Amino acid sequence: MTEPDLVTDVLGAPWTAETIPLAPDEEGEVVATLVHHPAATPSGRAVLYVHGFTDYFFQTDLAAWWVERGYDFYAVDLRKYGRSIRPHQTPNYVSDLQTYDEELDAVWERITERDGHDRVVLTAHSTGGLIVPSWADRRRPAALTGMVLNSPWLDLQGSALLRLVGRPVITQLGRLSPRRAISREVTGLYGRSLHRDHGGEWDYDLTWKPDTGIVVYAGWLGAVLRAHARLHRGLDVQAPVLVLSSDASSNPRGSGDERLHTTDVVLDVHQIRRWSTALGSHVTYAAVPGARHDVVLSRAEPRARAYAEMDRWAGAYLEDRTTATGSATDQ
């Protein structure tokens, strides 16, 4: 392995960012980016975070929660997302979600073999919550000790009739015309409810995570549907899994609608609940009242509940959680 291309990350020290070269595709150069925040004391424990669609890693409060518990925290910006996007690329586009195996394999090797971690928790949000368990099912990584999925995208949202009709149409389009744009309504309300420029709590780069989303192509959506179908047949993640979501979904139509702040306005939480057991044989599901789609970006009370659920789960299923300042339950 060559020397890492390491710089101080946009989040500032002690965050670092490592550029990982990947095999070029039809658009040219491809890279992924591994972001890292070390724990105060070196240990064999680490967390790897994988973001969702129209997203990148910026959730530093989540990282701090794990770091305080003695875990080195890593996050990967996948190819064509966030830190990894290059001017010649179609943002976020792949035609097969298994394409991400290349960067996940490379990142896992760095965390376990190069950096010496033998107990790693995988955590992911939304589309990342589909990519990550699918990868873990194929690879069966020995160091995987747990998985935390935040509102994973486990099925195509919409009515049963829409899904029945839509799946074969999208699949056919994905094969015949993969670069065809799929028409969809994106109000931008969810993004604006999060960002501090519009009254939200959070600060992030709006060029990497735009309020209005990005173009969805038939080839990419077809890849998602194939991954859904594989998951619905049943995965076998070889570690305890915690799935978190809001307790309700909604479709608000205006910025003054309180449901923007208290429900999942992106995915159907009933589908998340239904398909969680398809992830493996050891799955815990927790619905968090009042949570947003990205549960850790919820308002203070549901956010605290989400972290409490994580703490309970970690206390039951993750080993050796004591830190220099005491146990996680004492924090």
Protein backbone atom coordinates (compact mmCIF):
# COMPACT_ATOMS: atom_id res chain seq x y z
CA MET A 1 0.00 0.00 0.00
CA THR A 2 1.39 3.40 -0.96
CA GLU A 3 1.78 6.28 1.47
CA PRO A 4 -1.61 7.90 2.16
CA ASP A 5 -2.54 11.16 0.42
CA LEU A 6 -3.44 12.78 3.75
CA VAL A 7 -4.49 16.38 4.46
CA THR A 8 -6.36 18.24 7.17
CA ASP A 9 -10.05 17.82 6.40
CA VAL A 10 -12.52 20.62 5.69
CA LEU A 11 -13.89 19.96 9.20
CA GLY A 12 -10.56 21.16 10.65
CA ALA A 13 -7.99 19.45 12.85
CA PRO A 14 -7.82 16.80 14.19
CA TRP A 15 -9.93 15.60 11.25
CA THR A 16 -7.90 14.27 8.33
CA ALA A 17 -8.95 13.31 4.80
CA GLU A 18 -7.22 10.64 2.71
CA THR A 19 -7.80 10.43 -1.03
CA ILE A 20 -8.05 6.84 -2.26
CA PRO A 21 -7.48 6.31 -6.01
CA LEU A 22 -9.90 3.86 -7.62
CA ALA A 23 -10.08 2.24 -11.05
CA PRO A 24 -11.08 4.81 -13.71
CA ASP A 25 -14.51 4.47 -15.29
CA GLU A 26 -16.01 5.75 -18.56
CA GLU A 27 -15.87 9.32 -17.19
CA GLY A 28 -12.20 9.15 -16.20
CA GLU A 29 -10.46 9.44 -12.83
CA VAL A 30 -12.34 8.08 -9.79
CA VAL A 31 -11.51 8.51 -6.10
CA ALA A 32 -13.04 7.96 -2.69
CA THR A 33 -12.17 9.93 0.45
CA LEU A 34 -11.58 8.49 3.92
CA VAL A 35 -12.15 10.96 6.76
CA HIS A 36 -10.75 10.20 10.22
CA HIS A 37 -10.97 11.46 13.80
CA PRO A 38 -8.82 9.51 16.29
CA ALA A 39 -9.93 8.59 19.77
CA ALA A 40 -8.01 10.04 22.70
CA THR A 41 -6.38 6.68 23.42
CA PRO A 42 -5.44 4.17 20.71
CA SER A 43 -7.45 0.95 20.77
CA GLY A 44 -8.57 -1.85 18.49
CA ARG A 45 -12.03 -0.30 18.14
CA ALA A 46 -13.27 1.78 15.22
CA VAL A 47 -16.45 2.97 13.53
CA LEU A 48 -16.91 3.41 9.77
CA TYR A 49 -19.76 5.65 8.57
CA VAL A 50 -21.30 5.61 5.08
CA HIS A 51 -23.55 8.48 3.99
CA GLY A 52 -26.80 8.51 2.00
CA PHE A 53 -27.85 9.85 -1.41
CA THR A 54 -27.25 13.57 -2.13
CA ASP A 55 -25.09 13.53 0.99
CA TYR A 56 -21.59 13.38 2.42
CA PHE A 57 -20.10 13.10 5.91
CA PHE A 58 -20.51 16.18 8.13
CA GLN A 59 -22.26 14.75 11.23
CA THR A 60 -19.53 15.57 13.74
CA ASP A 61 -21.84 15.13 16.77
CA LEU A 62 -22.28 11.49 15.80
CA ALA A 63 -18.52 11.10 15.51
CA ALA A 64 -18.00 12.75 18.91
CA TRP A 65 -20.42 10.27 20.49
CA TRP A 66 -18.32 7.33 19.30
CA VAL A 67 -14.96 8.98 19.97
CA GLU A 68 -16.00 9.66 23.59
CA ARG A 69 -16.56 5.94 23.92
CA GLY A 70 -13.05 5.11 22.78
CA TYR A 71 -13.64 4.44 19.07
CA ASP A 72 -11.54 5.80 16.24
CA PHE A 73 -14.10 7.31 13.87
CA TYR A 74 -13.84 6.98 10.09
CA ALA A 75 -16.24 8.07 7.37
CA VAL A 76 -16.04 7.51 3.64
CA ASP A 77 -17.32 9.87 0.97
CA LEU A 78 -18.08 7.39 -1.80
CA ARG A 79 -17.07 8.01 -5.41
CA LYS A 80 -18.77 11.04 -7.01
CA TYR A 81 -20.07 12.30 -3.66
CA GLY A 82 -18.92 15.20 -1.50
CA ARG A 83 -15.16 15.36 -1.09
CA SER A 84 -14.73 12.72 -3.78
CA ILE A 85 -16.59 14.35 -6.67
CA ARG A 86 -14.56 15.65 -9.59
CA PRO A 87 -15.64 18.19 -12.25
CA HIS A 88 -15.82 15.62 -15.06
CA GLN A 89 -18.19 13.30 -13.17
CA THR A 90 -21.95 12.78 -13.05
CA PRO A 91 -22.72 13.37 -9.35
CA ASN A 92 -23.53 10.25 -7.36
CA TYR A 93 -24.01 8.04 -10.44
CA VAL A 94 -23.27 4.33 -10.62
CA SER A 95 -25.20 1.66 -12.51
CA ASP A 96 -24.57 -1.09 -9.93
CA LEU A 97 -24.33 -0.59 -6.16
CA GLN A 98 -21.70 -3.35 -6.03
CA THR A 99 -19.40 -0.82 -7.71
CA TYR A 100 -18.90 0.60 -4.22
CA ASP A 101 -17.26 -2.67 -3.15
CA GLU A 102 -13.98 -1.27 -4.47
CA GLU A 103 -13.83 1.66 -2.06
CA LEU A 104 -15.39 -0.23 0.84
CA ASP A 105 -12.80 -2.99 0.42
CA ALA A 106 -10.00 -0.39 0.27
CA VAL A 107 -11.28 1.50 3.30
CA TRP A 108 -11.79 -1.69 5.31
CA GLU A 109 -8.22 -2.78 4.55
CA ARG A 110 -6.87 0.56 5.78
CA ILE A 111 -8.90 0.48 8.98
CA THR A 112 -8.18 -3.14 9.89
CA GLU A 113 -4.83 -4.11 8.37
CA ARG A 114 -3.01 -0.79 8.11
CA ASP A 115 -4.40 0.90 11.24
CA GLY A 116 -4.76 -2.27 13.29
CA HIS A 117 -8.42 -2.23 14.34
CA ASP A 118 -9.91 -5.65 15.01
CA ARG A 119 -13.37 -4.53 16.26
CA VAL A 120 -15.22 -2.33 13.78
CA VAL A 121 -18.80 -1.06 13.84
CA LEU A 122 -20.35 -0.16 10.49
CA THR A 123 -22.92 2.62 10.54
CA ALA A 124 -24.79 4.12 7.61
CA HIS A 125 -27.71 6.37 6.62
CA SER A 126 -30.48 5.97 4.01
CA THR A 127 -28.99 4.66 0.71
CA GLY A 128 -25.79 3.93 2.64
CA GLY A 129 -27.99 1.71 4.81
CA LEU A 130 -28.71 -0.40 1.72
CA ILE A 131 -25.13 -0.42 0.41
CA VAL A 132 -23.43 -1.35 3.69
CA PRO A 133 -25.33 -4.51 4.72
CA SER A 134 -25.24 -5.77 1.12
CA TRP A 135 -21.44 -5.37 1.12
CA ALA A 136 -21.13 -7.03 4.54
CA ASP A 137 -23.28 -9.96 3.37
CA ARG A 138 -20.97 -10.52 0.39
CA ARG A 139 -17.65 -9.94 2.17
CA ARG A 140 -18.29 -11.34 5.68
CA PRO A 141 -15.53 -9.16 7.21
CA ALA A 142 -14.03 -10.84 10.28
CA ALA A 143 -13.56 -7.60 12.24
CA LEU A 144 -17.22 -6.56 12.00
CA THR A 145 -18.67 -6.44 15.53
CA GLY A 146 -21.86 -4.48 14.95
CA MET A 147 -23.91 -2.39 12.53
CA VAL A 148 -26.06 0.69 13.14
CA LEU A 149 -28.39 1.75 10.31
CA ASN A 150 -30.07 5.16 10.43
CA SER A 151 -33.28 5.14 8.32
CA PRO A 152 -31.96 2.63 5.77
CA TRP A 153 -33.57 2.62 2.31
CA LEU A 154 -34.88 -0.95 2.18
CA ASP A 155 -37.73 -0.66 -0.34
CA LEU A 156 -39.12 1.62 -3.05
CA GLN A 157 -41.49 4.07 -1.37
CA GLY A 158 -45.03 4.62 -2.63
CA SER A 159 -48.21 2.57 -2.83
CA ALA A 160 -48.17 -1.18 -3.48
CA LEU A 161 -49.65 -0.56 -6.94
CA LEU A 162 -47.02 2.04 -7.76
CA ARG A 163 -44.25 -0.32 -6.72
CA LEU A 164 -45.78 -3.19 -8.69
CA VAL A 165 -46.03 -1.11 -11.86
CA GLY A 166 -42.95 1.03 -11.35
CA ARG A 167 -40.33 -1.65 -10.68
CA PRO A 168 -40.42 -3.38 -14.10
CA VAL A 169 -40.60 -0.03 -15.93
CA ILE A 170 -37.58 1.37 -14.07
CA THR A 171 -35.68 -1.89 -14.48
CA GLN A 172 -36.26 -1.84 -18.25
CA LEU A 173 -35.31 1.83 -18.53
CA GLY A 174 -32.20 1.18 -16.47
CA ARG A 175 -31.07 -1.45 -18.95
CA LEU A 176 -32.00 0.34 -22.18
CA SER A 177 -31.45 3.98 -21.25
CA PRO A 178 -29.40 4.18 -18.03
CA ARG A 179 -28.71 7.93 -18.38
CA ARG A 180 -32.37 8.84 -18.74
CA ALA A 181 -33.44 11.25 -15.99
CA ILE A 182 -36.33 10.09 -13.79
CA SER A 183 -38.89 12.79 -13.10
CA ARG A 184 -39.55 13.35 -9.40
CA GLU A 185 -40.78 16.09 -7.11
CA VAL A 186 -38.13 17.58 -4.82
CA THR A 187 -39.50 20.52 -2.83
CA GLY A 188 -36.29 21.28 -0.96
CA LEU A 189 -38.29 21.59 2.26
CA TYR A 190 -36.40 18.84 4.08
CA GLY A 191 -32.97 20.27 3.26
CA ARG A 192 -34.00 23.77 4.26
CA SER A 193 -35.39 22.46 7.54
CA LEU A 194 -31.90 21.19 8.39
CA HIS A 195 -29.53 23.93 7.28
CA ARG A 196 -28.73 26.86 9.54
CA ASP A 197 -29.12 29.32 6.67
CA HIS A 198 -32.85 28.53 6.72
CA GLY A 199 -33.41 28.26 10.46
CA GLY A 200 -32.09 24.73 10.97
CA GLU A 201 -29.34 23.64 13.37
CA TRP A 202 -26.78 22.21 10.98
CA ASP A 203 -24.01 23.61 8.83
CA TYR A 204 -22.85 21.76 5.73
CA ASP A 205 -21.72 22.42 2.17
CA LEU A 206 -24.78 23.08 0.01
CA THR A 207 -22.83 22.29 -3.17
CA TRP A 208 -22.23 18.76 -1.84
CA LYS A 209 -25.68 18.38 -0.27
CA PRO A 210 -28.03 20.69 -2.21
CA ASP A 211 -31.52 21.33 -0.83
CA THR A 212 -33.13 20.43 -4.14
CA GLY A 213 -31.24 17.17 -4.53
CA ILE A 214 -29.64 16.02 -7.77
CA VAL A 215 -30.79 14.29 -10.94
CA VAL A 216 -31.83 10.66 -10.50
CA TYR A 217 -31.01 8.46 -13.50
CA ALA A 218 -32.74 5.25 -14.56
CA GLY A 219 -29.52 3.24 -14.36
CA TRP A 220 -28.88 4.28 -10.76
CA LEU A 221 -32.47 3.65 -9.67
CA GLY A 222 -32.42 0.27 -11.39
CA ALA A 223 -29.31 -0.57 -9.37
CA VAL A 224 -31.15 0.35 -6.18
CA LEU A 225 -34.11 -1.86 -7.11
CA ARG A 226 -31.79 -4.83 -7.74
CA ALA A 227 -30.21 -4.30 -4.32
CA HIS A 228 -33.69 -4.11 -2.76
CA ALA A 229 -34.68 -7.38 -4.41
CA ARG A 230 -31.54 -9.09 -3.11
CA LEU A 231 -32.17 -7.79 0.41
CA HIS A 232 -35.80 -8.92 0.32
CA ARG A 233 -34.61 -12.46 -0.36
CA GLY A 234 -32.68 -12.20 2.90
CA LEU A 235 -29.14 -11.10 3.82
CA ASP A 236 -26.96 -12.71 6.48
CA VAL A 237 -25.06 -9.92 8.23
CA GLN A 238 -22.74 -11.67 10.67
CA ALA A 239 -23.06 -9.18 13.53
CA PRO A 240 -25.77 -7.61 15.70
CA VAL A 241 -27.64 -4.87 13.82
CA LEU A 242 -29.48 -1.84 15.23
CA VAL A 243 -31.97 -0.12 12.92
CA LEU A 244 -33.22 3.36 13.87
CA SER A 245 -35.97 5.36 12.22
CA SER A 246 -38.63 7.91 13.01
CA ASP A 247 -41.93 6.53 14.26
CA ALA A 248 -43.89 8.17 11.41
CA SER A 249 -43.62 9.34 7.81
CA SER A 250 -45.40 12.28 6.20
CA ASN A 251 -45.57 14.41 3.08
CA PRO A 252 -45.57 18.07 4.18
CA ARG A 253 -46.35 20.74 1.59
CA GLY A 254 -45.07 23.92 3.19
CA SER A 255 -42.18 25.24 5.27
CA GLY A 256 -44.52 25.92 8.19
CA ASP A 257 -45.63 22.30 8.47
CA GLU A 258 -44.37 20.97 11.82
CA ARG A 259 -44.12 17.46 10.39
CA LEU A 260 -40.96 18.56 8.56
CA HIS A 261 -39.21 18.45 11.93
CA THR A 262 -40.92 15.48 13.55
CA THR A 263 -41.35 12.77 10.88
CA ASP A 264 -39.45 11.06 8.07
CA VAL A 265 -40.39 13.01 4.93
CA VAL A 266 -38.11 10.96 2.63
CA LEU A 267 -38.82 7.26 3.30
CA ASP A 268 -41.71 5.13 4.54
CA VAL A 269 -40.87 4.01 8.08
CA HIS A 270 -43.31 1.08 7.80
CA GLN A 271 -41.15 -0.34 5.02
CA ILE A 272 -38.02 0.15 7.13
CA ARG A 273 -39.67 -1.75 9.98
CA ARG A 274 -40.96 -4.49 7.67
CA TRP A 275 -37.66 -5.24 5.96
CA SER A 276 -35.26 -4.81 8.89
CA THR A 277 -35.46 -8.49 9.75
CA ALA A 278 -34.21 -9.33 6.23
CA LEU A 279 -30.79 -7.94 7.20
CA GLY A 280 -29.75 -10.90 9.32
CA SER A 281 -30.65 -13.10 12.26
CA HIS A 282 -29.83 -10.61 15.01
CA VAL A 283 -31.64 -7.30 14.39
CA THR A 284 -32.93 -4.73 16.87
CA TYR A 285 -35.39 -2.12 15.55
CA ALA A 286 -36.15 1.12 17.39
CA ALA A 287 -38.66 3.76 16.31
CA VAL A 288 -37.76 7.19 17.67
CA PRO A 289 -40.80 9.44 18.21
CA GLY A 290 -40.38 12.85 16.62
CA ALA A 291 -37.25 11.95 14.64
CA ARG A 292 -36.35 13.19 11.16
CA HIS A 293 -35.19 11.08 8.22
CA ASP A 294 -31.58 11.50 9.37
CA VAL A 295 -32.27 10.55 12.96
CA VAL A 296 -29.09 12.10 14.36
CA LEU A 297 -30.05 15.46 12.81
CA SER A 298 -33.37 15.50 14.67
CA ARG A 299 -34.31 18.10 17.24
CA ALA A 300 -32.73 17.80 20.67
CA GLU A 301 -35.26 15.52 22.40
CA PRO A 302 -35.62 12.82 19.70
CA ARG A 303 -31.90 13.08 19.01
CA ALA A 304 -31.20 12.31 22.67
CA ARG A 305 -33.60 9.36 22.47
CA ALA A 306 -31.77 8.04 19.43
CA TYR A 307 -28.43 8.20 21.21
CA ALA A 308 -29.99 6.51 24.24
CA GLU A 309 -31.14 3.66 22.00
CA MET A 310 -27.64 3.40 20.57
CA ASP A 311 -26.17 3.37 24.08
CA ARG A 312 -28.49 0.59 25.23
CA TRP A 313 -27.72 -1.48 22.15
CA ALA A 314 -23.97 -0.90 22.45
CA GLY A 315 -24.10 -1.85 26.12
CA ALA A 316 -25.75 -5.14 25.22
CA TYR A 317 -23.78 -6.13 22.13
CA LEU A 318 -20.43 -4.34 21.91
CA GLU A 319 -17.53 -5.39 24.07
CA ASP A 320 -15.17 -3.35 26.27
CA ARG A 321 -16.87 0.04 26.14
CA THR A 322 -15.05 1.65 29.07
CA THR A 323 -13.07 4.83 28.43
CA ALA A 324 -10.66 6.95 30.41
CA THR A 325 -13.62 8.97 31.76
CA GLY A 326 -15.79 6.00 32.67
CA SER A 327 -18.37 3.80 30.99
CA ALA A 328 -20.59 5.05 28.21
CA THR A 329 -23.61 4.81 30.47
CA ASP A 330 -21.93 7.31 32.81
CA GLN A 331 -21.53 9.96 30.11
